[in-house]
Amino acid sequence: MAQHSTHPGGASRVRRRALLGTTVLVVLVALAGMAAYLTRDGRSPSNTSAPPSSSPTAASPSASSSGPPTPRTGPRDLPAPPKTHNPIAYGKAAAAALWSYDTRAYSRAELRKALHGWLTKEAKYADTASVDKVVPSRMLWKEMAANKQFATAKVHEGHFPNAFTQALQEDPGAITQAYVYAVTVSGKQSIAWKGSPDGGAESRSTTLAVQCRPDHPCALVGVMPSVAP
């Protein structure tokens, strides 16, 4: 027998996720104004494909990894969004923020609040749930905090997905309602913890929806559920 949700916010969350999906489909299927935008600012998209993405997890001394973390001299500050009108630059900064955390310097609640500050103030586009999903759970954060675990990120590149640029070329102008751009970012997350300064590192990639209206600095719309090459 089918079960119906009894949570008051369930329907609204589903609608918001659906809206984000629809917005991105529009972005991927009819991305126009970007061509003019890129020409105006002298930018061009990269065609580099991105590998599959993953979300932050707790590390342990027995975990295997592919390299040392970025050297750190002390706890890092909470991530603050840059003031830019370049969607790729903003997407790269946002990805670095989403892949980084420091249980030595702040609480999980403080990190979530800081990341929410990256989101667009236009509520109908902001997908807060997709950002929260990237933050470690309360239980996981507690375990990581006990080990003084922290993660840093190094971004290798960012680009507009192929489908996005193709749709943009086919229908310039479709983007001018929401000004939402798809940006795929790849890089590396390095993790370390008490007693293991060398920690480990792994490759990461993600596709973000970024809003960049001509008269306002860029802001994050949300994190896409899959990586678009």
Foldseek 3Di string as FASTA:
>chain_A
DDDDDPDPCPVVLVVLVVLQVVLVCLLLQAAAQVVVVCVVVVHDFDADAADWADADADDDPPDDADFFADDDDDDDDAQAFDFALDQQVRVQSLVQNLLWDWLVPDALVVNLVRNVNQADPPVSQANSVQSNVRRDDPVRSVVQNVFRKIKGWDWDGKGAFPSSVVSRVVHHPSCQPQQKGKMKTKTKMHMATHPGNRGHMDIRMWIFIWHRHPVGGIGTRHTDPIGGD
